[in-house]
Full PDB file with SEQRES, HELIX, SHEET, SSBOND, CRYST1, ORIGX, SCALE, CONECT and MASTER records, all heavy atoms in Angstrom:
SEQRES   1 A   29  ALA CYS TYR PRO GLU GLU ASN ARG ARG GLU LEU ARG GLU          
SEQRES   2 A   29  ALA PHE ARG ALA ALA GLU ASP GLY ASP TYR GLU LYS ALA          
SEQRES   3 A   29  ALA GLY LEU                                                  
HELIX    1 AA1 GLU A    5  GLU A   19  1                                  15    
HELIX    2 AA2 TYR A   23  GLY A   28  1                                   6    
CRYST1    1.000    1.000    1.000  90.00  90.00  90.00 P 1           1          
ORIGX1      1.000000  0.000000  0.000000        0.00000                         
ORIGX2      0.000000  1.000000  0.000000        0.00000                         
ORIGX3      0.000000  0.000000  1.000000        0.00000                         
SCALE1      1.000000  0.000000  0.000000        0.00000                         
SCALE2      0.000000  1.000000  0.000000        0.00000                         
SCALE3      0.000000  0.000000  1.000000        0.00000                         
ATOM      1  N   ALA A   1     -12.050   1.813   3.614  1.00  0.00           N  
ATOM      2  CA  ALA A   1     -13.467   1.919   3.268  1.00  0.00           C  
ATOM      3  C   ALA A   1     -13.736   3.011   2.243  1.00  0.00           C  
ATOM      4  O   ALA A   1     -14.808   3.026   1.610  1.00  0.00           O  
ATOM      5  CB  ALA A   1     -14.294   2.174   4.530  1.00  0.00           C  
ATOM      6  N   CYS A   2     -12.796   3.909   2.056  1.00  0.00           N  
ATOM      7  CA  CYS A   2     -12.967   5.002   1.102  1.00  0.00           C  
ATOM      8  C   CYS A   2     -12.657   4.585  -0.335  1.00  0.00           C  
ATOM      9  O   CYS A   2     -12.838   5.392  -1.268  1.00  0.00           O  
ATOM     10  CB  CYS A   2     -12.083   6.183   1.484  1.00  0.00           C  
ATOM     11  SG  CYS A   2     -12.452   6.907   3.104  1.00  0.00           S  
ATOM     12  N   TYR A   3     -12.184   3.337  -0.513  1.00  0.00           N  
ATOM     13  CA  TYR A   3     -11.730   2.910  -1.837  1.00  0.00           C  
ATOM     14  C   TYR A   3     -12.446   1.646  -2.282  1.00  0.00           C  
ATOM     15  O   TYR A   3     -12.947   0.872  -1.459  1.00  0.00           O  
ATOM     16  CB  TYR A   3     -10.224   2.617  -1.796  1.00  0.00           C  
ATOM     17  CG  TYR A   3      -9.361   3.839  -1.583  1.00  0.00           C  
ATOM     18  CD1 TYR A   3      -8.814   4.108  -0.339  1.00  0.00           C  
ATOM     19  CD2 TYR A   3      -9.091   4.711  -2.623  1.00  0.00           C  
ATOM     20  CE1 TYR A   3      -8.015   5.223  -0.132  1.00  0.00           C  
ATOM     21  CE2 TYR A   3      -8.294   5.831  -2.429  1.00  0.00           C  
ATOM     22  CZ  TYR A   3      -7.759   6.080  -1.183  1.00  0.00           C  
ATOM     23  OH  TYR A   3      -6.961   7.186  -0.985  1.00  0.00           O  
ATOM     24  N   PRO A   4     -12.456   1.415  -3.589  1.00  0.00           N  
ATOM     25  CA  PRO A   4     -12.928   0.133  -4.105  1.00  0.00           C  
ATOM     26  C   PRO A   4     -12.001  -0.993  -3.648  1.00  0.00           C  
ATOM     27  O   PRO A   4     -10.880  -0.752  -3.197  1.00  0.00           O  
ATOM     28  CB  PRO A   4     -12.875   0.314  -5.629  1.00  0.00           C  
ATOM     29  CG  PRO A   4     -12.769   1.782  -5.863  1.00  0.00           C  
ATOM     30  CD  PRO A   4     -12.125   2.370  -4.671  1.00  0.00           C  
ATOM     31  N   GLU A   5     -12.454  -2.221  -3.798  1.00  0.00           N  
ATOM     32  CA  GLU A   5     -11.714  -3.371  -3.317  1.00  0.00           C  
ATOM     33  C   GLU A   5     -10.294  -3.426  -3.870  1.00  0.00           C  
ATOM     34  O   GLU A   5      -9.344  -3.733  -3.162  1.00  0.00           O  
ATOM     35  CB  GLU A   5     -12.459  -4.660  -3.665  1.00  0.00           C  
ATOM     36  CG  GLU A   5     -11.769  -5.943  -3.187  1.00  0.00           C  
ATOM     37  CD  GLU A   5     -11.567  -5.958  -1.674  1.00  0.00           C  
ATOM     38  OE1 GLU A   5     -12.455  -5.474  -0.956  1.00  0.00           O  
ATOM     39  OE2 GLU A   5     -10.499  -6.447  -1.218  1.00  0.00           O  
ATOM     40  N   GLU A   6     -10.132  -3.133  -5.157  1.00  0.00           N  
ATOM     41  CA  GLU A   6      -8.815  -3.178  -5.783  1.00  0.00           C  
ATOM     42  C   GLU A   6      -7.842  -2.226  -5.083  1.00  0.00           C  
ATOM     43  O   GLU A   6      -6.691  -2.557  -4.830  1.00  0.00           O  
ATOM     44  CB  GLU A   6      -8.929  -2.819  -7.266  1.00  0.00           C  
ATOM     45  CG  GLU A   6      -7.588  -2.831  -8.001  1.00  0.00           C  
ATOM     46  CD  GLU A   6      -7.722  -2.413  -9.455  1.00  0.00           C  
ATOM     47  OE1 GLU A   6      -8.865  -2.320  -9.954  1.00  0.00           O  
ATOM     48  OE2 GLU A   6      -6.677  -2.176 -10.098  1.00  0.00           O  
ATOM     49  N   ASN A   7      -8.312  -1.042  -4.787  1.00  0.00           N  
ATOM     50  CA  ASN A   7      -7.474  -0.054  -4.136  1.00  0.00           C  
ATOM     51  C   ASN A   7      -7.208  -0.400  -2.668  1.00  0.00           C  
ATOM     52  O   ASN A   7      -6.173  -0.027  -2.121  1.00  0.00           O  
ATOM     53  CB  ASN A   7      -8.107   1.328  -4.227  1.00  0.00           C  
ATOM     54  CG  ASN A   7      -8.251   1.812  -5.656  1.00  0.00           C  
ATOM     55  OD1 ASN A   7      -9.351   2.164  -6.099  1.00  0.00           O  
ATOM     56  ND2 ASN A   7      -7.132   1.830  -6.419  1.00  0.00           N  
ATOM     57  N   ARG A   8      -8.139  -1.105  -2.066  1.00  0.00           N  
ATOM     58  CA  ARG A   8      -7.930  -1.532  -0.682  1.00  0.00           C  
ATOM     59  C   ARG A   8      -6.733  -2.463  -0.596  1.00  0.00           C  
ATOM     60  O   ARG A   8      -5.947  -2.399   0.348  1.00  0.00           O  
ATOM     61  CB  ARG A   8      -9.170  -2.228  -0.137  1.00  0.00           C  
ATOM     62  CG  ARG A   8     -10.386  -1.331   0.011  1.00  0.00           C  
ATOM     63  CD  ARG A   8     -11.619  -2.112   0.431  1.00  0.00           C  
ATOM     64  NE  ARG A   8     -12.812  -1.295   0.310  1.00  0.00           N  
ATOM     65  CZ  ARG A   8     -14.042  -1.742   0.550  1.00  0.00           C  
ATOM     66  NH1 ARG A   8     -14.221  -3.020   0.915  1.00  0.00           N  
ATOM     67  NH2 ARG A   8     -15.089  -0.936   0.412  1.00  0.00           N  
ATOM     68  N   ARG A   9      -6.620  -3.342  -1.605  1.00  0.00           N  
ATOM     69  CA  ARG A   9      -5.472  -4.249  -1.650  1.00  0.00           C  
ATOM     70  C   ARG A   9      -4.180  -3.447  -1.800  1.00  0.00           C  
ATOM     71  O   ARG A   9      -3.156  -3.774  -1.200  1.00  0.00           O  
ATOM     72  CB  ARG A   9      -5.618  -5.248  -2.798  1.00  0.00           C  
ATOM     73  CG  ARG A   9      -6.692  -6.299  -2.566  1.00  0.00           C  
ATOM     74  CD  ARG A   9      -6.542  -7.463  -3.549  1.00  0.00           C  
ATOM     75  NE  ARG A   9      -6.715  -7.041  -4.930  1.00  0.00           N  
ATOM     76  CZ  ARG A   9      -7.895  -7.001  -5.559  1.00  0.00           C  
ATOM     77  NH1 ARG A   9      -9.014  -7.366  -4.920  1.00  0.00           N  
ATOM     78  NH2 ARG A   9      -7.960  -6.619  -6.827  1.00  0.00           N  
ATOM     79  N   GLU A  10      -4.214  -2.373  -2.597  1.00  0.00           N  
ATOM     80  CA  GLU A  10      -3.043  -1.520  -2.775  1.00  0.00           C  
ATOM     81  C   GLU A  10      -2.650  -0.839  -1.469  1.00  0.00           C  
ATOM     82  O   GLU A  10      -1.465  -0.683  -1.175  1.00  0.00           O  
ATOM     83  CB  GLU A  10      -3.322  -0.473  -3.852  1.00  0.00           C  
ATOM     84  CG  GLU A  10      -3.300  -1.013  -5.276  1.00  0.00           C  
ATOM     85  CD  GLU A  10      -3.462   0.091  -6.294  1.00  0.00           C  
ATOM     86  OE1 GLU A  10      -4.325   0.968  -6.095  1.00  0.00           O  
ATOM     87  OE2 GLU A  10      -2.727   0.087  -7.297  1.00  0.00           O  
ATOM     88  N   LEU A  11      -3.650  -0.426  -0.684  1.00  0.00           N  
ATOM     89  CA  LEU A  11      -3.375   0.212   0.597  1.00  0.00           C  
ATOM     90  C   LEU A  11      -2.657  -0.754   1.541  1.00  0.00           C  
ATOM     91  O   LEU A  11      -1.665  -0.398   2.178  1.00  0.00           O  
ATOM     92  CB  LEU A  11      -4.668   0.722   1.230  1.00  0.00           C  
ATOM     93  CG  LEU A  11      -4.543   1.343   2.633  1.00  0.00           C  
ATOM     94  CD1 LEU A  11      -3.601   2.547   2.609  1.00  0.00           C  
ATOM     95  CD2 LEU A  11      -5.923   1.747   3.171  1.00  0.00           C  
ATOM     96  N   ARG A  12      -3.177  -1.978   1.611  1.00  0.00           N  
ATOM     97  CA  ARG A  12      -2.543  -2.982   2.461  1.00  0.00           C  
ATOM     98  C   ARG A  12      -1.133  -3.306   1.970  1.00  0.00           C  
ATOM     99  O   ARG A  12      -0.207  -3.487   2.763  1.00  0.00           O  
ATOM    100  CB  ARG A  12      -3.410  -4.236   2.534  1.00  0.00           C  
ATOM    101  CG  ARG A  12      -4.694  -4.055   3.333  1.00  0.00           C  
ATOM    102  CD  ARG A  12      -5.387  -5.382   3.573  1.00  0.00           C  
ATOM    103  NE  ARG A  12      -6.002  -5.901   2.355  1.00  0.00           N  
ATOM    104  CZ  ARG A  12      -7.255  -5.636   1.957  1.00  0.00           C  
ATOM    105  NH1 ARG A  12      -8.019  -4.842   2.691  1.00  0.00           N  
ATOM    106  NH2 ARG A  12      -7.738  -6.169   0.849  1.00  0.00           N  
ATOM    107  N   GLU A  13      -0.971  -3.342   0.657  1.00  0.00           N  
ATOM    108  CA  GLU A  13       0.341  -3.604   0.068  1.00  0.00           C  
ATOM    109  C   GLU A  13       1.309  -2.460   0.373  1.00  0.00           C  
ATOM    110  O   GLU A  13       2.488  -2.692   0.669  1.00  0.00           O  
ATOM    111  CB  GLU A  13       0.198  -3.785  -1.448  1.00  0.00           C  
ATOM    112  CG  GLU A  13       1.497  -4.229  -2.127  1.00  0.00           C  
ATOM    113  CD  GLU A  13       1.324  -4.407  -3.635  1.00  0.00           C  
ATOM    114  OE1 GLU A  13       0.171  -4.352  -4.122  1.00  0.00           O  
ATOM    115  OE2 GLU A  13       2.364  -4.586  -4.324  1.00  0.00           O  
ATOM    116  N   ALA A  14       0.819  -1.219   0.326  1.00  0.00           N  
ATOM    117  CA  ALA A  14       1.650  -0.046   0.640  1.00  0.00           C  
ATOM    118  C   ALA A  14       2.141  -0.110   2.082  1.00  0.00           C  
ATOM    119  O   ALA A  14       3.314   0.151   2.362  1.00  0.00           O  
ATOM    120  CB  ALA A  14       0.861   1.245   0.397  1.00  0.00           C  
ATOM    121  N   PHE A  15       1.245  -0.486   2.986  1.00  0.00           N  
ATOM    122  CA  PHE A  15       1.622  -0.559   4.398  1.00  0.00           C  
ATOM    123  C   PHE A  15       2.652  -1.663   4.633  1.00  0.00           C  
ATOM    124  O   PHE A  15       3.627  -1.466   5.366  1.00  0.00           O  
ATOM    125  CB  PHE A  15       0.381  -0.794   5.262  1.00  0.00           C  
ATOM    126  CG  PHE A  15       0.643  -0.625   6.732  1.00  0.00           C  
ATOM    127  CD1 PHE A  15       0.658   0.636   7.298  1.00  0.00           C  
ATOM    128  CD2 PHE A  15       0.881  -1.717   7.540  1.00  0.00           C  
ATOM    129  CE1 PHE A  15       0.910   0.802   8.650  1.00  0.00           C  
ATOM    130  CE2 PHE A  15       1.124  -1.562   8.888  1.00  0.00           C  
ATOM    131  CZ  PHE A  15       1.135  -0.298   9.445  1.00  0.00           C  
ATOM    132  N   ARG A  16       2.445  -2.828   3.993  1.00  0.00           N  
ATOM    133  CA  ARG A  16       3.400  -3.926   4.137  1.00  0.00           C  
ATOM    134  C   ARG A  16       4.774  -3.538   3.585  1.00  0.00           C  
ATOM    135  O   ARG A  16       5.807  -3.855   4.165  1.00  0.00           O  
ATOM    136  CB  ARG A  16       2.879  -5.190   3.457  1.00  0.00           C  
ATOM    137  CG  ARG A  16       1.782  -5.911   4.211  1.00  0.00           C  
ATOM    138  CD  ARG A  16       1.577  -7.323   3.674  1.00  0.00           C  
ATOM    139  NE  ARG A  16       1.152  -7.298   2.271  1.00  0.00           N  
ATOM    140  CZ  ARG A  16      -0.125  -7.249   1.880  1.00  0.00           C  
ATOM    141  NH1 ARG A  16      -1.100  -7.224   2.788  1.00  0.00           N  
ATOM    142  NH2 ARG A  16      -0.436  -7.230   0.593  1.00  0.00           N  
ATOM    143  N   ALA A  17       4.782  -2.841   2.452  1.00  0.00           N  
ATOM    144  CA  ALA A  17       6.045  -2.400   1.847  1.00  0.00           C  
ATOM    145  C   ALA A  17       6.777  -1.443   2.783  1.00  0.00           C  
ATOM    146  O   ALA A  17       7.998  -1.518   2.938  1.00  0.00           O  
ATOM    147  CB  ALA A  17       5.782  -1.731   0.502  1.00  0.00           C  
ATOM    148  N   ALA A  18       6.021  -0.531   3.417  1.00  0.00           N  
ATOM    149  CA  ALA A  18       6.622   0.401   4.365  1.00  0.00           C  
ATOM    150  C   ALA A  18       7.206  -0.345   5.562  1.00  0.00           C  
ATOM    151  O   ALA A  18       8.309  -0.043   6.031  1.00  0.00           O  
ATOM    152  CB  ALA A  18       5.591   1.431   4.825  1.00  0.00           C  
ATOM    153  N   GLU A  19       6.471  -1.329   6.052  1.00  0.00           N  
ATOM    154  CA  GLU A  19       6.962  -2.157   7.163  1.00  0.00           C  
ATOM    155  C   GLU A  19       8.259  -2.863   6.794  1.00  0.00           C  
ATOM    156  O   GLU A  19       9.161  -3.012   7.625  1.00  0.00           O  
ATOM    157  CB  GLU A  19       5.917  -3.189   7.562  1.00  0.00           C  
ATOM    158  CG  GLU A  19       4.818  -2.665   8.442  1.00  0.00           C  
ATOM    159  CD  GLU A  19       3.983  -3.795   9.008  1.00  0.00           C  
ATOM    160  OE1 GLU A  19       3.334  -4.520   8.220  1.00  0.00           O  
ATOM    161  OE2 GLU A  19       4.008  -3.975  10.225  1.00  0.00           O  
ATOM    162  N   ASP A  20       8.357  -3.308   5.551  1.00  0.00           N  
ATOM    163  CA  ASP A  20       9.534  -4.047   5.084  1.00  0.00           C  
ATOM    164  C   ASP A  20      10.701  -3.124   4.716  1.00  0.00           C  
ATOM    165  O   ASP A  20      11.775  -3.591   4.341  1.00  0.00           O  
ATOM    166  CB  ASP A  20       9.172  -4.918   3.873  1.00  0.00           C  
ATOM    167  CG  ASP A  20       8.207  -6.041   4.245  1.00  0.00           C  
ATOM    168  OD1 ASP A  20       8.160  -6.415   5.440  1.00  0.00           O  
ATOM    169  OD2 ASP A  20       7.507  -6.537   3.332  1.00  0.00           O  
ATOM    170  N   GLY A  21      10.466  -1.822   4.769  1.00  0.00           N  
ATOM    171  CA  GLY A  21      11.525  -0.877   4.445  1.00  0.00           C  
ATOM    172  C   GLY A  21      11.625  -0.506   2.979  1.00  0.00           C  
ATOM    173  O   GLY A  21      12.554   0.193   2.573  1.00  0.00           O  
ATOM    174  N   ASP A  22      10.671  -0.956   2.186  1.00  0.00           N  
ATOM    175  CA  ASP A  22      10.642  -0.603   0.761  1.00  0.00           C  
ATOM    176  C   ASP A  22       9.822   0.679   0.617  1.00  0.00           C  
ATOM    177  O   ASP A  22       8.674   0.668   0.137  1.00  0.00           O  
ATOM    178  CB  ASP A  22      10.033  -1.743  -0.059  1.00  0.00           C  
ATOM    179  CG  ASP A  22      10.220  -1.552  -1.559  1.00  0.00           C  
ATOM    180  OD1 ASP A  22      10.627  -0.436  -1.973  1.00  0.00           O  
ATOM    181  OD2 ASP A  22       9.946  -2.510  -2.320  1.00  0.00           O  
ATOM    182  N   TYR A  23      10.434   1.790   1.037  1.00  0.00           N  
ATOM    183  CA  TYR A  23       9.700   3.049   1.111  1.00  0.00           C  
ATOM    184  C   TYR A  23       9.363   3.615  -0.263  1.00  0.00           C  
ATOM    185  O   TYR A  23       8.317   4.258  -0.437  1.00  0.00           O  
ATOM    186  CB  TYR A  23      10.505   4.071   1.921  1.00  0.00           C  
ATOM    187  CG  TYR A  23      10.808   3.608   3.330  1.00  0.00           C  
ATOM    188  CD1 TYR A  23      12.105   3.634   3.832  1.00  0.00           C  
ATOM    189  CD2 TYR A  23       9.799   3.136   4.152  1.00  0.00           C  
ATOM    190  CE1 TYR A  23      12.382   3.211   5.120  1.00  0.00           C  
ATOM    191  CE2 TYR A  23      10.067   2.700   5.445  1.00  0.00           C  
ATOM    192  CZ  TYR A  23      11.373   2.739   5.918  1.00  0.00           C  
ATOM    193  OH  TYR A  23      11.644   2.311   7.187  1.00  0.00           O  
ATOM    194  N   GLU A  24      10.205   3.375  -1.239  1.00  0.00           N  
ATOM    195  CA  GLU A  24       9.933   3.853  -2.591  1.00  0.00           C  
ATOM    196  C   GLU A  24       8.654   3.232  -3.143  1.00  0.00           C  
ATOM    197  O   GLU A  24       7.802   3.922  -3.702  1.00  0.00           O  
ATOM    198  CB  GLU A  24      11.116   3.555  -3.503  1.00  0.00           C  
ATOM    199  CG  GLU A  24      10.982   4.171  -4.893  1.00  0.00           C  
ATOM    200  CD  GLU A  24      12.230   3.996  -5.734  1.00  0.00           C  
ATOM    201  OE1 GLU A  24      13.287   3.612  -5.188  1.00  0.00           O  
ATOM    202  OE2 GLU A  24      12.152   4.250  -6.953  1.00  0.00           O  
ATOM    203  N   LYS A  25       8.526   1.920  -2.979  1.00  0.00           N  
ATOM    204  CA  LYS A  25       7.327   1.228  -3.437  1.00  0.00           C  
ATOM    205  C   LYS A  25       6.102   1.706  -2.664  1.00  0.00           C  
ATOM    206  O   LYS A  25       5.052   1.980  -3.249  1.00  0.00           O  
ATOM    207  CB  LYS A  25       7.489  -0.280  -3.271  1.00  0.00           C  
ATOM    208  CG  LYS A  25       6.255  -1.073  -3.693  1.00  0.00           C  
ATOM    209  CD  LYS A  25       6.470  -2.566  -3.467  1.00  0.00           C  
ATOM    210  CE  LYS A  25       5.214  -3.355  -3.840  1.00  0.00           C  
ATOM    211  NZ  LYS A  25       5.397  -4.814  -3.612  1.00  0.00           N  
ATOM    212  N   ALA A  26       6.248   1.839  -1.342  1.00  0.00           N  
ATOM    213  CA  ALA A  26       5.129   2.260  -0.495  1.00  0.00           C  
ATOM    214  C   ALA A  26       4.658   3.659  -0.873  1.00  0.00           C  
ATOM    215  O   ALA A  26       3.449   3.917  -0.962  1.00  0.00           O  
ATOM    216  CB  ALA A  26       5.553   2.229   0.974  1.00  0.00           C  
ATOM    217  N   ALA A  27       5.624   4.572  -1.104  1.00  0.00           N  
ATOM    218  CA  ALA A  27       5.268   5.941  -1.480  1.00  0.00           C  
ATOM    219  C   ALA A  27       4.552   5.968  -2.828  1.00  0.00           C  
ATOM    220  O   ALA A  27       3.561   6.702  -3.000  1.00  0.00           O  
ATOM    221  CB  ALA A  27       6.520   6.817  -1.519  1.00  0.00           C  
ATOM    222  N   GLY A  28       5.029   5.176  -3.775  1.00  0.00           N  
ATOM    223  CA  GLY A  28       4.404   5.114  -5.093  1.00  0.00           C  
ATOM    224  C   GLY A  28       2.959   4.640  -5.020  1.00  0.00           C  
ATOM    225  O   GLY A  28       2.071   5.199  -5.678  1.00  0.00           O  
ATOM    226  N   LEU A  29       2.700   3.612  -4.221  1.00  0.00           N  
ATOM    227  CA  LEU A  29       1.351   3.083  -4.067  1.00  0.00           C  
ATOM    228  C   LEU A  29       0.430   4.111  -3.404  1.00  0.00           C  
ATOM    229  O   LEU A  29      -0.729   4.274  -3.803  1.00  0.00           O  
ATOM    230  CB  LEU A  29       1.383   1.796  -3.247  1.00  0.00           C  
ATOM    231  CG  LEU A  29       1.951   0.563  -3.964  1.00  0.00           C  
ATOM    232  CD1 LEU A  29       2.245  -0.557  -2.967  1.00  0.00           C  
ATOM    233  CD2 LEU A  29       0.977   0.068  -5.044  1.00  0.00           C  
TER     234      LEU A  29                                                      
MASTER        0    0    0    2    0    0    0    6  233    1    0    3          
END                                                                             
């Protein structure tokens, strides 16, 4: 809720990447 819609998608993408073990991508996001 603290971000615009575009950034909200990035947050969800960061969490999914972390779940999948792609920590580099998650940290970057």
